[in-house]
Amino acid sequence: MSIVELCRWIIGCSWIYHGLMPKLVHIAPLEQKMTNGFGFGVEASQVLTRVAGAGEILFGIVFIVFYRSLAINVLNISALLALLIFVAVISPVLLIEAFNPVTTNIPIIALSAILIMELRSERNA
């Protein structure tokens, strides 16, 4: 498997997993806590969490299909940075917990940067 394919599948599957497991299959307490930070009721927060999960799954699939697009990689990086900032503002204590957004988002951002560099070098070859 090439570096490009490895980056493609890790990034896409990460989005799919993070949309599916802690938001759709089972709403993780941490996800619920962050969504509750918006001030909606419990039911509205659960719906918002599930919609976010569906969106993440959709983005993961789109990423897997269109991984060669610079725009989709920039969107990936931007979304992960925005989510990291969101957590820092809504619940900064989560930044020091195990498996926090720093240790998950930054490596996926790096994989997107590697993917961009690899795709550029393929085009120049």
PDB file of N, CA and C in Angstrom:
ATOM      1  N   MET A   1       0.855  -1.177   0.000  1.00  0.00           N
ATOM      2  CA  MET A   1       0.000   0.000   0.000  1.00  0.00           C
ATOM      3  C   MET A   1       0.903   1.242   0.000  1.00  0.00           C
ATOM      4  N   SER A   2       0.571   2.190  -0.854  1.00  0.00           N
ATOM      5  CA  SER A   2       1.376   3.405  -0.968  1.00  0.00           C
ATOM      6  C   SER A   2       1.077   4.368   0.185  1.00  0.00           C
ATOM      7  N   ILE A   3       1.948   5.344   0.351  1.00  0.00           N
ATOM      8  CA  ILE A   3       1.743   6.384   1.365  1.00  0.00           C
ATOM      9  C   ILE A   3       0.436   7.112   1.106  1.00  0.00           C
ATOM     10  N   VAL A   4       0.164   7.407  -0.157  1.00  0.00           N
ATOM     11  CA  VAL A   4      -1.073   8.105  -0.524  1.00  0.00           C
ATOM     12  C   VAL A   4      -2.295   7.287  -0.101  1.00  0.00           C
ATOM     13  N   GLU A   5      -2.293   6.007  -0.411  1.00  0.00           N
ATOM     14  CA  GLU A   5      -3.425   5.152  -0.045  1.00  0.00           C
ATOM     15  C   GLU A   5      -3.554   5.018   1.471  1.00  0.00           C
ATOM     16  N   LEU A   6      -2.436   4.896   2.156  1.00  0.00           N
ATOM     17  CA  LEU A   6      -2.450   4.800   3.616  1.00  0.00           C
ATOM     18  C   LEU A   6      -3.072   6.050   4.231  1.00  0.00           C
ATOM     19  N   CYS A   7      -2.635   7.226   3.778  1.00  0.00           N
ATOM     20  CA  CYS A   7      -3.201   8.485   4.277  1.00  0.00           C
ATOM     21  C   CYS A   7      -4.692   8.561   3.963  1.00  0.00           C
ATOM     22  N   ARG A   8      -5.041   8.208   2.744  1.00  0.00           N
ATOM     23  CA  ARG A   8      -6.444   8.244   2.304  1.00  0.00           C
ATOM     24  C   ARG A   8      -7.334   7.445   3.248  1.00  0.00           C
ATOM     25  N   TRP A   9      -6.950   6.200   3.493  1.00  0.00           N
ATOM     26  CA  TRP A   9      -7.797   5.318   4.289  1.00  0.00           C
ATOM     27  C   TRP A   9      -7.789   5.670   5.773  1.00  0.00           C
ATOM     28  N   ILE A  10      -6.663   6.082   6.308  1.00  0.00           N
ATOM     29  CA  ILE A  10      -6.631   6.463   7.729  1.00  0.00           C
ATOM     30  C   ILE A  10      -7.490   7.694   7.969  1.00  0.00           C
ATOM     31  N   ILE A  11      -7.356   8.707   7.124  1.00  0.00           N
ATOM     32  CA  ILE A  11      -8.140   9.930   7.300  1.00  0.00           C
ATOM     33  C   ILE A  11      -9.630   9.640   7.126  1.00  0.00           C
ATOM     34  N   GLY A  12      -9.988   9.001   6.025  1.00  0.00           N
ATOM     35  CA  GLY A  12     -11.399   8.720   5.764  1.00  0.00           C
ATOM     36  C   GLY A  12     -12.038   7.851   6.834  1.00  0.00           C
ATOM     37  N   CYS A  13     -11.344   6.791   7.210  1.00  0.00           N
ATOM     38  CA  CYS A  13     -11.892   5.885   8.227  1.00  0.00           C
ATOM     39  C   CYS A  13     -11.940   6.525   9.610  1.00  0.00           C
ATOM     40  N   SER A  14     -11.032   7.446   9.888  1.00  0.00           N
ATOM     41  CA  SER A  14     -11.082   8.164  11.169  1.00  0.00           C
ATOM     42  C   SER A  14     -12.363   8.987  11.267  1.00  0.00           C
ATOM     43  N   TRP A  15     -12.684   9.699  10.191  1.00  0.00           N
ATOM     44  CA  TRP A  15     -13.933  10.475  10.175  1.00  0.00           C
ATOM     45  C   TRP A  15     -15.142   9.549  10.328  1.00  0.00           C
ATOM     46  N   ILE A  16     -15.136   8.440   9.605  1.00  0.00           N
ATOM     47  CA  ILE A  16     -16.266   7.516   9.675  1.00  0.00           C
ATOM     48  C   ILE A  16     -16.407   6.951  11.079  1.00  0.00           C
ATOM     49  N   TYR A  17     -15.302   6.514  11.663  1.00  0.00           N
ATOM     50  CA  TYR A  17     -15.356   5.947  13.008  1.00  0.00           C
ATOM     51  C   TYR A  17     -15.842   6.973  14.027  1.00  0.00           C
ATOM     52  N   HIS A  18     -15.294   8.192  13.968  1.00  0.00           N
ATOM     53  CA  HIS A  18     -15.672   9.215  14.950  1.00  0.00           C
ATOM     54  C   HIS A  18     -17.102   9.710  14.762  1.00  0.00           C
ATOM     55  N   GLY A  19     -17.655   9.500  13.580  1.00  0.00           N
ATOM     56  CA  GLY A  19     -19.069   9.801  13.386  1.00  0.00           C
ATOM     57  C   GLY A  19     -19.957   8.656  13.836  1.00  0.00           C
ATOM     58  N   LEU A  20     -19.513   7.449  13.604  1.00  0.00           N
ATOM     59  CA  LEU A  20     -20.326   6.271  13.880  1.00  0.00           C
ATOM     60  C   LEU A  20     -20.357   5.884  15.359  1.00  0.00           C
ATOM     61  N   MET A  21     -19.194   5.615  15.929  1.00  0.00           N
ATOM     62  CA  MET A  21     -19.162   5.015  17.271  1.00  0.00           C
ATOM     63  C   MET A  21     -19.597   5.975  18.392  1.00  0.00           C
ATOM     64  N   PRO A  22     -18.960   7.136  18.562  1.00  0.00           N
ATOM     65  CA  PRO A  22     -19.346   7.952  19.719  1.00  0.00           C
ATOM     66  C   PRO A  22     -20.549   8.863  19.484  1.00  0.00           C
ATOM     67  N   LYS A  23     -21.135   8.808  18.272  1.00  0.00           N
ATOM     68  CA  LYS A  23     -22.252   9.705  17.997  1.00  0.00           C
ATOM     69  C   LYS A  23     -23.512   8.992  17.529  1.00  0.00           C
ATOM     70  N   LEU A  24     -23.390   7.885  16.827  1.00  0.00           N
ATOM     71  CA  LEU A  24     -24.574   7.193  16.317  1.00  0.00           C
ATOM     72  C   LEU A  24     -24.834   5.870  17.029  1.00  0.00           C
ATOM     73  N   VAL A  25     -23.838   5.006  17.092  1.00  0.00           N
ATOM     74  CA  VAL A  25     -24.030   3.705  17.737  1.00  0.00           C
ATOM     75  C   VAL A  25     -24.296   3.894  19.224  1.00  0.00           C
ATOM     76  N   HIS A  26     -23.503   4.736  19.836  1.00  0.00           N
ATOM     77  CA  HIS A  26     -23.648   5.045  21.272  1.00  0.00           C
ATOM     78  C   HIS A  26     -23.187   6.475  21.467  1.00  0.00           C
ATOM     79  N   ILE A  27     -24.071   7.331  21.948  1.00  0.00           N
ATOM     80  CA  ILE A  27     -23.644   8.712  22.196  1.00  0.00           C
ATOM     81  C   ILE A  27     -22.758   8.708  23.445  1.00  0.00           C
ATOM     82  N   ALA A  28     -21.483   8.972  23.227  1.00  0.00           N
ATOM     83  CA  ALA A  28     -20.518   8.979  24.320  1.00  0.00           C
ATOM     84  C   ALA A  28     -20.823  10.141  25.264  1.00  0.00           C
ATOM     85  N   PRO A  29     -20.666   9.936  26.564  1.00  0.00           N
ATOM     86  CA  PRO A  29     -20.930  11.011  27.527  1.00  0.00           C
ATOM     87  C   PRO A  29     -20.158  12.299  27.212  1.00  0.00           C
ATOM     88  N   LEU A  30     -18.946  12.154  26.739  1.00  0.00           N
ATOM     89  CA  LEU A  30     -18.139  13.316  26.395  1.00  0.00           C
ATOM     90  C   LEU A  30     -18.754  14.087  25.231  1.00  0.00           C
ATOM     91  N   GLU A  31     -19.244  13.378  24.232  1.00  0.00           N
ATOM     92  CA  GLU A  31     -19.919  14.026  23.099  1.00  0.00           C
ATOM     93  C   GLU A  31     -21.167  14.752  23.595  1.00  0.00           C
ATOM     94  N   GLN A  32     -21.921  14.096  24.450  1.00  0.00           N
ATOM     95  CA  GLN A  32     -23.139  14.700  24.997  1.00  0.00           C
ATOM     96  C   GLN A  32     -22.810  15.962  25.792  1.00  0.00           C
ATOM     97  N   LYS A  33     -21.747  15.913  26.565  1.00  0.00           N
ATOM     98  CA  LYS A  33     -21.341  17.065  27.377  1.00  0.00           C
ATOM     99  C   LYS A  33     -20.985  18.258  26.483  1.00  0.00           C
ATOM    100  N   MET A  34     -20.236  18.001  25.420  1.00  0.00           N
ATOM    101  CA  MET A  34     -19.850  19.101  24.532  1.00  0.00           C
ATOM    102  C   MET A  34     -21.065  19.683  23.812  1.00  0.00           C
ATOM    103  N   THR A  35     -21.976  18.825  23.357  1.00  0.00           N
ATOM    104  CA  THR A  35     -23.164  19.310  22.667  1.00  0.00           C
ATOM    105  C   THR A  35     -24.075  20.061  23.636  1.00  0.00           C
ATOM    106  N   ASN A  36     -24.156  19.601  24.866  1.00  0.00           N
ATOM    107  CA  ASN A  36     -24.945  20.306  25.875  1.00  0.00           C
ATOM    108  C   ASN A  36     -24.406  21.708  26.135  1.00  0.00           C
ATOM    109  N   GLY A  37     -23.130  21.922  25.814  1.00  0.00           N
ATOM    110  CA  GLY A  37     -22.513  23.240  25.988  1.00  0.00           C
ATOM    111  C   GLY A  37     -23.170  24.322  25.154  1.00  0.00           C
ATOM    112  N   PHE A  38     -23.954  23.928  24.147  1.00  0.00           N
ATOM    113  CA  PHE A  38     -24.675  24.899  23.328  1.00  0.00           C
ATOM    114  C   PHE A  38     -25.923  25.414  24.028  1.00  0.00           C
ATOM    115  N   GLY A  39     -26.348  24.733  25.098  1.00  0.00           N
ATOM    116  CA  GLY A  39     -27.504  25.182  25.859  1.00  0.00           C
ATOM    117  C   GLY A  39     -28.840  24.640  25.389  1.00  0.00           C
ATOM    118  N   PHE A  40     -28.820  23.661  24.485  1.00  0.00           N
ATOM    119  CA  PHE A  40     -30.067  23.041  24.046  1.00  0.00           C
ATOM    120  C   PHE A  40     -30.523  22.030  25.089  1.00  0.00           C
ATOM    121  N   GLY A  41     -31.755  21.587  24.988  1.00  0.00           N
ATOM    122  CA  GLY A  41     -32.248  20.521  25.850  1.00  0.00           C
ATOM    123  C   GLY A  41     -31.582  19.208  25.512  1.00  0.00           C
ATOM    124  N   VAL A  42     -31.838  18.200  26.331  1.00  0.00           N
ATOM    125  CA  VAL A  42     -31.207  16.891  26.158  1.00  0.00           C
ATOM    126  C   VAL A  42     -31.576  16.278  24.803  1.00  0.00           C
ATOM    127  N   GLU A  43     -32.861  16.311  24.447  1.00  0.00           N
ATOM    128  CA  GLU A  43     -33.281  15.713  23.176  1.00  0.00           C
ATOM    129  C   GLU A  43     -32.656  16.431  21.987  1.00  0.00           C
ATOM    130  N   ALA A  44     -32.662  17.761  22.016  1.00  0.00           N
ATOM    131  CA  ALA A  44     -32.070  18.532  20.920  1.00  0.00           C
ATOM    132  C   ALA A  44     -30.576  18.265  20.829  1.00  0.00           C
ATOM    133  N   SER A  45     -29.918  18.127  21.957  1.00  0.00           N
ATOM    134  CA  SER A  45     -28.483  17.828  21.968  1.00  0.00           C
ATOM    135  C   SER A  45     -28.209  16.465  21.348  1.00  0.00           C
ATOM    136  N   GLN A  46     -29.062  15.493  21.644  1.00  0.00           N
ATOM    137  CA  GLN A  46     -28.883  14.156  21.065  1.00  0.00           C
ATOM    138  C   GLN A  46     -29.082  14.184  19.555  1.00  0.00           C
ATOM    139  N   VAL A  47     -30.084  14.930  19.104  1.00  0.00           N
ATOM    140  CA  VAL A  47     -30.312  15.053  17.664  1.00  0.00           C
ATOM    141  C   VAL A  47     -29.117  15.737  17.007  1.00  0.00           C
ATOM    142  N   LEU A  48     -28.623  16.814  17.606  1.00  0.00           N
ATOM    143  CA  LEU A  48     -27.470  17.528  17.067  1.00  0.00           C
ATOM    144  C   LEU A  48     -26.237  16.625  17.011  1.00  0.00           C
ATOM    145  N   THR A  49     -26.040  15.835  18.042  1.00  0.00           N
ATOM    146  CA  THR A  49     -24.915  14.900  18.077  1.00  0.00           C
ATOM    147  C   THR A  49     -25.036  13.874  16.956  1.00  0.00           C
ATOM    148  N   ARG A  50     -26.229  13.350  16.748  1.00  0.00           N
ATOM    149  CA  ARG A  50     -26.441  12.351  15.693  1.00  0.00           C
ATOM    150  C   ARG A  50     -26.273  12.968  14.298  1.00  0.00           C
ATOM    151  N   VAL A  51     -26.746  14.192  14.126  1.00  0.00           N
ATOM    152  CA  VAL A  51     -26.563  14.877  12.837  1.00  0.00           C
ATOM    153  C   VAL A  51     -25.070  15.100  12.585  1.00  0.00           C
ATOM    154  N   ALA A  52     -24.341  15.512  13.625  1.00  0.00           N
ATOM    155  CA  ALA A  52     -22.894  15.689  13.488  1.00  0.00           C
ATOM    156  C   ALA A  52     -22.231  14.366  13.119  1.00  0.00           C
ATOM    157  N   GLY A  53     -22.674  13.282  13.742  1.00  0.00           N
ATOM    158  CA  GLY A  53     -22.123  11.962  13.422  1.00  0.00           C
ATOM    159  C   GLY A  53     -22.371  11.578  11.978  1.00  0.00           C
ATOM    160  N   ALA A  54     -23.581  11.807  11.503  1.00  0.00           N
ATOM    161  CA  ALA A  54     -23.900  11.508  10.103  1.00  0.00           C
ATOM    162  C   ALA A  54     -23.047  12.361   9.169  1.00  0.00           C
ATOM    163  N   GLY A  55     -22.852  13.621   9.544  1.00  0.00           N
ATOM    164  CA  GLY A  55     -22.006  14.511   8.740  1.00  0.00           C
ATOM    165  C   GLY A  55     -20.568  14.030   8.687  1.00  0.00           C
ATOM    166  N   GLU A  56     -20.059  13.551   9.812  1.00  0.00           N
ATOM    167  CA  GLU A  56     -18.690  13.042   9.842  1.00  0.00           C
ATOM    168  C   GLU A  56     -18.551  11.782   8.980  1.00  0.00           C
ATOM    169  N   ILE A  57     -19.537  10.915   9.033  1.00  0.00           N
ATOM    170  CA  ILE A  57     -19.505   9.713   8.194  1.00  0.00           C
ATOM    171  C   ILE A  57     -19.533  10.106   6.723  1.00  0.00           C
ATOM    172  N   LEU A  58     -20.412  11.018   6.377  1.00  0.00           N
ATOM    173  CA  LEU A  58     -20.498  11.486   4.998  1.00  0.00           C
ATOM    174  C   LEU A  58     -19.175  12.101   4.552  1.00  0.00           C
ATOM    175  N   PHE A  59     -18.572  12.938   5.408  1.00  0.00           N
ATOM    176  CA  PHE A  59     -17.297  13.544   5.044  1.00  0.00           C
ATOM    177  C   PHE A  59     -16.222  12.481   4.865  1.00  0.00           C
ATOM    178  N   GLY A  60     -16.209  11.463   5.733  1.00  0.00           N
ATOM    179  CA  GLY A  60     -15.232  10.375   5.596  1.00  0.00           C
ATOM    180  C   GLY A  60     -15.358   9.668   4.264  1.00  0.00           C
ATOM    181  N   ILE A  61     -16.589   9.409   3.849  1.00  0.00           N
ATOM    182  CA  ILE A  61     -16.816   8.755   2.559  1.00  0.00           C
ATOM    183  C   ILE A  61     -16.381   9.670   1.415  1.00  0.00           C
ATOM    184  N   VAL A  62     -16.761  10.945   1.502  1.00  0.00           N
ATOM    185  CA  VAL A  62     -16.365  11.924   0.476  1.00  0.00           C
ATOM    186  C   VAL A  62     -14.847  12.005   0.407  1.00  0.00           C
ATOM    187  N   PHE A  63     -14.189  12.003   1.568  1.00  0.00           N
ATOM    188  CA  PHE A  63     -12.731  12.068   1.586  1.00  0.00           C
ATOM    189  C   PHE A  63     -12.126  10.858   0.884  1.00  0.00           C
ATOM    190  N   ILE A  64     -12.626   9.678   1.177  1.00  0.00           N
ATOM    191  CA  ILE A  64     -12.096   8.459   0.556  1.00  0.00           C
ATOM    192  C   ILE A  64     -12.237   8.522  -0.964  1.00  0.00           C
ATOM    193  N   VAL A  65     -13.326   9.065  -1.441  1.00  0.00           N
ATOM    194  CA  VAL A  65     -13.569   9.142  -2.885  1.00  0.00           C
ATOM    195  C   VAL A  65     -12.740  10.255  -3.535  1.00  0.00           C
ATOM    196  N   PHE A  66     -12.680  11.431  -2.896  1.00  0.00           N
ATOM    197  CA  PHE A  66     -12.056  12.613  -3.507  1.00  0.00           C
ATOM    198  C   PHE A  66     -10.730  13.005  -2.843  1.00  0.00           C
ATOM    199  N   TYR A  67     -10.015  12.033  -2.311  1.00  0.00           N
ATOM    200  CA  TYR A  67      -8.794  12.293  -1.551  1.00  0.00           C
ATOM    201  C   TYR A  67      -7.712  13.010  -2.357  1.00  0.00           C
ATOM    202  N   ARG A  68      -7.769  12.965  -3.651  1.00  0.00           N
ATOM    203  CA  ARG A  68      -6.765  13.626  -4.491  1.00  0.00           C
ATOM    204  C   ARG A  68      -7.046  15.115  -4.668  1.00  0.00           C
ATOM    205  N   SER A  69      -8.163  15.581  -4.166  1.00  0.00           N
ATOM    206  CA  SER A  69      -8.542  16.988  -4.289  1.00  0.00           C
ATOM    207  C   SER A  69      -7.843  17.833  -3.219  1.00  0.00           C
ATOM    208  N   LEU A  70      -7.190  18.897  -3.650  1.00  0.00           N
ATOM    209  CA  LEU A  70      -6.576  19.815  -2.696  1.00  0.00           C
ATOM    210  C   LEU A  70      -7.650  20.425  -1.805  1.00  0.00           C
ATOM    211  N   ALA A  71      -8.791  20.761  -2.391  1.00  0.00           N
ATOM    212  CA  ALA A  71      -9.878  21.385  -1.627  1.00  0.00           C
ATOM    213  C   ALA A  71     -10.367  20.479  -0.495  1.00  0.00           C
ATOM    214  N   ILE A  72     -10.513  19.181  -0.756  1.00  0.00           N
ATOM    215  CA  ILE A  72     -11.006  18.267   0.275  1.00  0.00           C
ATOM    216  C   ILE A  72      -9.970  18.116   1.389  1.00  0.00           C
ATOM    217  N   ASN A  73      -8.690  18.161   1.046  1.00  0.00           N
ATOM    218  CA  ASN A  73      -7.644  18.095   2.064  1.00  0.00           C
ATOM    219  C   ASN A  73      -7.588  19.371   2.886  1.00  0.00           C
ATOM    220  N   VAL A  74      -7.751  20.511   2.244  1.00  0.00           N
ATOM    221  CA  VAL A  74      -7.786  21.786   2.975  1.00  0.00           C
ATOM    222  C   VAL A  74      -9.017  21.819   3.882  1.00  0.00           C
ATOM    223  N   LEU A  75     -10.145  21.324   3.390  1.00  0.00           N
ATOM    224  CA  LEU A  75     -11.352  21.251   4.212  1.00  0.00           C
ATOM    225  C   LEU A  75     -11.134  20.331   5.414  1.00  0.00           C
ATOM    226  N   ASN A  76     -10.457  19.213   5.203  1.00  0.00           N
ATOM    227  CA  ASN A  76     -10.134  18.299   6.299  1.00  0.00           C
ATOM    228  C   ASN A  76      -9.299  19.003   7.364  1.00  0.00           C
ATOM    229  N   ILE A  77      -8.245  19.671   6.934  1.00  0.00           N
ATOM    230  CA  ILE A  77      -7.373  20.376   7.875  1.00  0.00           C
ATOM    231  C   ILE A  77      -8.143  21.470   8.597  1.00  0.00           C
ATOM    232  N   SER A  78      -8.925  22.234   7.864  1.00  0.00           N
ATOM    233  CA  SER A  78      -9.699  23.333   8.460  1.00  0.00           C
ATOM    234  C   SER A  78     -10.717  22.817   9.470  1.00  0.00           C
ATOM    235  N   ALA A  79     -11.409  21.742   9.116  1.00  0.00           N
ATOM    236  CA  ALA A  79     -12.414  21.177  10.022  1.00  0.00           C
ATOM    237  C   ALA A  79     -11.775  20.661  11.303  1.00  0.00           C
ATOM    238  N   LEU A  80     -10.647  19.984  11.171  1.00  0.00           N
ATOM    239  CA  LEU A  80      -9.982  19.454  12.363  1.00  0.00           C
ATOM    240  C   LEU A  80      -9.441  20.562  13.256  1.00  0.00           C
ATOM    241  N   LEU A  81      -8.923  21.628  12.648  1.00  0.00           N
ATOM    242  CA  LEU A  81      -8.480  22.781  13.442  1.00  0.00           C
ATOM    243  C   LEU A  81      -9.667  23.448  14.124  1.00  0.00           C
ATOM    244  N   ALA A  82     -10.777  23.594  13.401  1.00  0.00           N
ATOM    245  CA  ALA A  82     -11.975  24.206  13.983  1.00  0.00           C
ATOM    246  C   ALA A  82     -12.506  23.369  15.146  1.00  0.00           C
ATOM    247  N   LEU A  83     -12.515  22.047  14.985  1.00  0.00           N
ATOM    248  CA  LEU A  83     -12.972  21.182  16.074  1.00  0.00           C
ATOM    249  C   LEU A  83     -12.046  21.262  17.282  1.00  0.00           C
ATOM    250  N   LEU A  84     -10.764  21.377  17.035  1.00  0.00           N
ATOM    251  CA  LEU A  84      -9.799  21.519  18.123  1.00  0.00           C
ATOM    252  C   LEU A  84     -10.033  22.827  18.875  1.00  0.00           C
ATOM    253  N   ILE A  85     -10.251  23.894  18.147  1.00  0.00           N
ATOM    254  CA  ILE A  85     -10.538  25.202  18.768  1.00  0.00           C
ATOM    255  C   ILE A  85     -11.863  25.148  19.516  1.00  0.00           C
ATOM    256  N   PHE A  86     -12.863  24.501  18.925  1.00  0.00           N
ATOM    257  CA  PHE A  86     -14.168  24.343  19.579  1.00  0.00           C
ATOM    258  C   PHE A  86     -14.005  23.690  20.947  1.00  0.00           C
ATOM    259  N   VAL A  87     -13.266  22.609  21.010  1.00  0.00           N
ATOM    260  CA  VAL A  87     -13.054  21.918  22.284  1.00  0.00           C
ATOM    261  C   VAL A  87     -12.284  22.816  23.252  1.00  0.00           C
ATOM    262  N   ALA A  88     -11.297  23.529  22.759  1.00  0.00           N
ATOM    263  CA  ALA A  88     -10.507  24.413  23.615  1.00  0.00           C
ATOM    264  C   ALA A  88     -11.377  25.505  24.241  1.00  0.00           C
ATOM    265  N   VAL A  89     -12.382  25.957  23.512  1.00  0.00           N
ATOM    266  CA  VAL A  89     -13.262  27.013  24.021  1.00  0.00           C
ATOM    267  C   VAL A  89     -14.367  26.440  24.905  1.00  0.00           C
ATOM    268  N   ILE A  90     -15.022  25.383  24.440  1.00  0.00           N
ATOM    269  CA  ILE A  90     -16.172  24.812  25.156  1.00  0.00           C
ATOM    270  C   ILE A  90     -15.752  24.037  26.403  1.00  0.00           C
ATOM    271  N   SER A  91     -14.704  23.245  26.280  1.00  0.00           N
ATOM    272  CA  SER A  91     -14.299  22.383  27.388  1.00  0.00           C
ATOM    273  C   SER A  91     -12.781  22.189  27.382  1.00  0.00           C
ATOM    274  N   PRO A  92     -12.025  23.228  27.742  1.00  0.00           N
ATOM    275  CA  PRO A  92     -10.562  23.150  27.644  1.00  0.00           C
ATOM    276  C   PRO A  92      -9.924  22.038  28.468  1.00  0.00           C
ATOM    277  N   VAL A  93     -10.586  21.588  29.503  1.00  0.00           N
ATOM    278  CA  VAL A  93     -10.015  20.515  30.320  1.00  0.00           C
ATOM    279  C   VAL A  93      -9.839  19.233  29.501  1.00  0.00           C
ATOM    280  N   LEU A  94     -10.611  19.083  28.448  1.00  0.00           N
ATOM    281  CA  LEU A  94     -10.498  17.886  27.612  1.00  0.00           C
ATOM    282  C   LEU A  94      -9.174  17.820  26.864  1.00  0.00           C
ATOM    283  N   LEU A  95      -8.490  18.930  26.746  1.00  0.00           N
ATOM    284  CA  LEU A  95      -7.219  18.942  26.019  1.00  0.00           C
ATOM    285  C   LEU A  95      -6.101  18.213  26.766  1.00  0.00           C
ATOM    286  N   ILE A  96      -6.329  17.923  28.033  1.00  0.00           N
ATOM    287  CA  ILE A  96      -5.303  17.204  28.799  1.00  0.00           C
ATOM    288  C   ILE A  96      -5.733  15.783  29.160  1.00  0.00           C
ATOM    289  N   GLU A  97      -6.906  15.379  28.686  1.00  0.00           N
ATOM    290  CA  GLU A  97      -7.392  14.020  28.934  1.00  0.00           C
ATOM    291  C   GLU A  97      -6.715  13.040  27.971  1.00  0.00           C
ATOM    292  N   ALA A  98      -6.831  11.757  28.273  1.00  0.00           N
ATOM    293  CA  ALA A  98      -6.305  10.724  27.380  1.00  0.00           C
ATOM    294  C   ALA A  98      -7.073  10.749  26.067  1.00  0.00           C
ATOM    295  N   PHE A  99      -6.401  10.473  24.959  1.00  0.00           N
ATOM    296  CA  PHE A  99      -7.010  10.429  23.630  1.00  0.00           C
ATOM    297  C   PHE A  99      -7.800  11.696  23.337  1.00  0.00           C
ATOM    298  N   ASN A 100      -7.162  12.813  23.579  1.00  0.00           N
ATOM    299  CA  ASN A 100      -7.807  14.109  23.418  1.00  0.00           C
ATOM    300  C   ASN A 100      -7.671  14.626  21.991  1.00  0.00           C
ATOM    301  N   PRO A 101      -8.349  15.739  21.674  1.00  0.00           N
ATOM    302  CA  PRO A 101      -8.294  16.269  20.306  1.00  0.00           C
ATOM    303  C   PRO A 101      -6.890  16.654  19.837  1.00  0.00           C
ATOM    304  N   VAL A 102      -6.016  16.950  20.761  1.00  0.00           N
ATOM    305  CA  VAL A 102      -4.639  17.272  20.369  1.00  0.00           C
ATOM    306  C   VAL A 102      -3.975  16.022  19.793  1.00  0.00           C
ATOM    307  N   THR A 103      -4.161  14.888  20.467  1.00  0.00           N
ATOM    308  CA  THR A 103      -3.503  13.656  20.027  1.00  0.00           C
ATOM    309  C   THR A 103      -4.237  12.942  18.906  1.00  0.00           C
ATOM    310  N   THR A 104      -5.464  13.361  18.608  1.00  0.00           N
ATOM    311  CA  THR A 104      -6.173  12.752  17.482  1.00  0.00           C
ATOM    312  C   THR A 104      -6.208  13.674  16.269  1.00  0.00           C
ATOM    313  N   ASN A 105      -6.522  14.929  16.460  1.00  0.00           N
ATOM    314  CA  ASN A 105      -6.672  15.841  15.322  1.00  0.00           C
ATOM    315  C   ASN A 105      -5.347  16.202  14.667  1.00  0.00           C
ATOM    316  N   ILE A 106      -4.331  16.496  15.455  1.00  0.00           N
ATOM    317  CA  ILE A 106      -3.057  16.924  14.871  1.00  0.00           C
ATOM    318  C   ILE A 106      -2.421  15.824  14.008  1.00  0.00           C
ATOM    319  N   PRO A 107      -2.402  14.559  14.437  1.00  0.00           N
ATOM    320  CA  PRO A 107      -1.866  13.531  13.531  1.00  0.00           C
ATOM    321  C   PRO A 107      -2.659  13.391  12.226  1.00  0.00           C
ATOM    322  N   ILE A 108      -3.969  13.543  12.277  1.00  0.00           N
ATOM    323  CA  ILE A 108      -4.773  13.447  11.052  1.00  0.00           C
ATOM    324  C   ILE A 108      -4.505  14.654  10.161  1.00  0.00           C
ATOM    325  N   ILE A 109      -4.300  15.812  10.765  1.00  0.00           N
ATOM    326  CA  ILE A 109      -3.902  17.002   9.997  1.00  0.00           C
ATOM    327  C   ILE A 109      -2.559  16.733   9.317  1.00  0.00           C
ATOM    328  N   ALA A 110      -1.631  16.139  10.049  1.00  0.00           N
ATOM    329  CA  ALA A 110      -0.310  15.829   9.481  1.00  0.00           C
ATOM    330  C   ALA A 110      -0.439  14.839   8.322  1.00  0.00           C
ATOM    331  N   LEU A 111      -1.308  13.857   8.458  1.00  0.00           N
ATOM    332  CA  LEU A 111      -1.512  12.905   7.359  1.00  0.00           C
ATOM    333  C   LEU A 111      -2.066  13.609   6.123  1.00  0.00           C
ATOM    334  N   SER A 112      -2.935  14.584   6.319  1.00  0.00           N
ATOM    335  CA  SER A 112      -3.450  15.335   5.175  1.00  0.00           C
ATOM    336  C   SER A 112      -2.331  16.158   4.533  1.00  0.00           C
ATOM    337  N   ALA A 113      -1.453  16.729   5.348  1.00  0.00           N
ATOM    338  CA  ALA A 113      -0.314  17.482   4.812  1.00  0.00           C
ATOM    339  C   ALA A 113       0.609  16.548   4.014  1.00  0.00           C
ATOM    340  N   ILE A 114       0.847  15.358   4.537  1.00  0.00           N
ATOM    341  CA  ILE A 114       1.663  14.375   3.819  1.00  0.00           C
ATOM    342  C   ILE A 114       0.978  13.998   2.512  1.00  0.00           C
ATOM    343  N   LEU A 115      -0.313  13.784   2.544  1.00  0.00           N
ATOM    344  CA  LEU A 115      -1.070  13.442   1.339  1.00  0.00           C
ATOM    345  C   LEU A 115      -0.950  14.539   0.288  1.00  0.00           C
ATOM    346  N   ILE A 116      -1.090  15.794   0.705  1.00  0.00           N
ATOM    347  CA  ILE A 116      -0.945  16.924  -0.221  1.00  0.00           C
ATOM    348  C   ILE A 116       0.446  16.926  -0.850  1.00  0.00           C
ATOM    349  N   MET A 117       1.484  16.745  -0.030  1.00  0.00           N
ATOM    350  CA  MET A 117       2.857  16.744  -0.553  1.00  0.00           C
ATOM    351  C   MET A 117       3.084  15.583  -1.520  1.00  0.00           C
ATOM    352  N   GLU A 118       2.585  14.398  -1.175  1.00  0.00           N
ATOM    353  CA  GLU A 118       2.745  13.228  -2.036  1.00  0.00           C
ATOM    354  C   GLU A 118       2.013  13.412  -3.366  1.00  0.00           C
ATOM    355  N   LEU A 119       0.812  13.945  -3.308  1.00  0.00           N
ATOM    356  CA  LEU A 119       0.049  14.169  -4.549  1.00  0.00           C
ATOM    357  C   LEU A 119       0.718  15.204  -5.427  1.00  0.00           C
ATOM    358  N   ARG A 120       1.270  16.235  -4.809  1.00  0.00           N
ATOM    359  CA  ARG A 120       2.007  17.251  -5.589  1.00  0.00           C
ATOM    360  C   ARG A 120       3.238  16.640  -6.243  1.00  0.00           C
ATOM    361  N   SER A 121       3.957  15.798  -5.515  1.00  0.00           N
ATOM    362  CA  SER A 121       5.162  15.195  -6.094  1.00  0.00           C
ATOM    363  C   SER A 121       4.789  14.221  -7.215  1.00  0.00           C
ATOM    364  N   GLU A 122       3.654  13.534  -7.082  1.00  0.00           N
ATOM    365  CA  GLU A 122       3.184  12.649  -8.158  1.00  0.00           C
ATOM    366  C   GLU A 122       2.877  13.459  -9.420  1.00  0.00           C
ATOM    367  N   ARG A 123       2.262  14.606  -9.246  1.00  0.00           N
ATOM    368  CA  ARG A 123       1.907  15.458 -10.405  1.00  0.00           C
ATOM    369  C   ARG A 123       3.150  16.017 -11.075  1.00  0.00           C
ATOM    370  N   ASN A 124       4.187  16.297 -10.279  1.00  0.00           N
ATOM    371  CA  ASN A 124       5.422  16.873 -10.831  1.00  0.00           C
ATOM    372  C   ASN A 124       6.340  15.820 -11.441  1.00  0.00           C
ATOM    373  N   ALA A 125       6.079  14.563 -11.157  1.00  0.00           N
ATOM    374  CA  ALA A 125       6.938  13.482 -11.668  1.00  0.00           C
ATOM    375  C   ALA A 125       6.634  13.141 -13.104  1.00  0.00           C
TER     376      ALA A 125
END
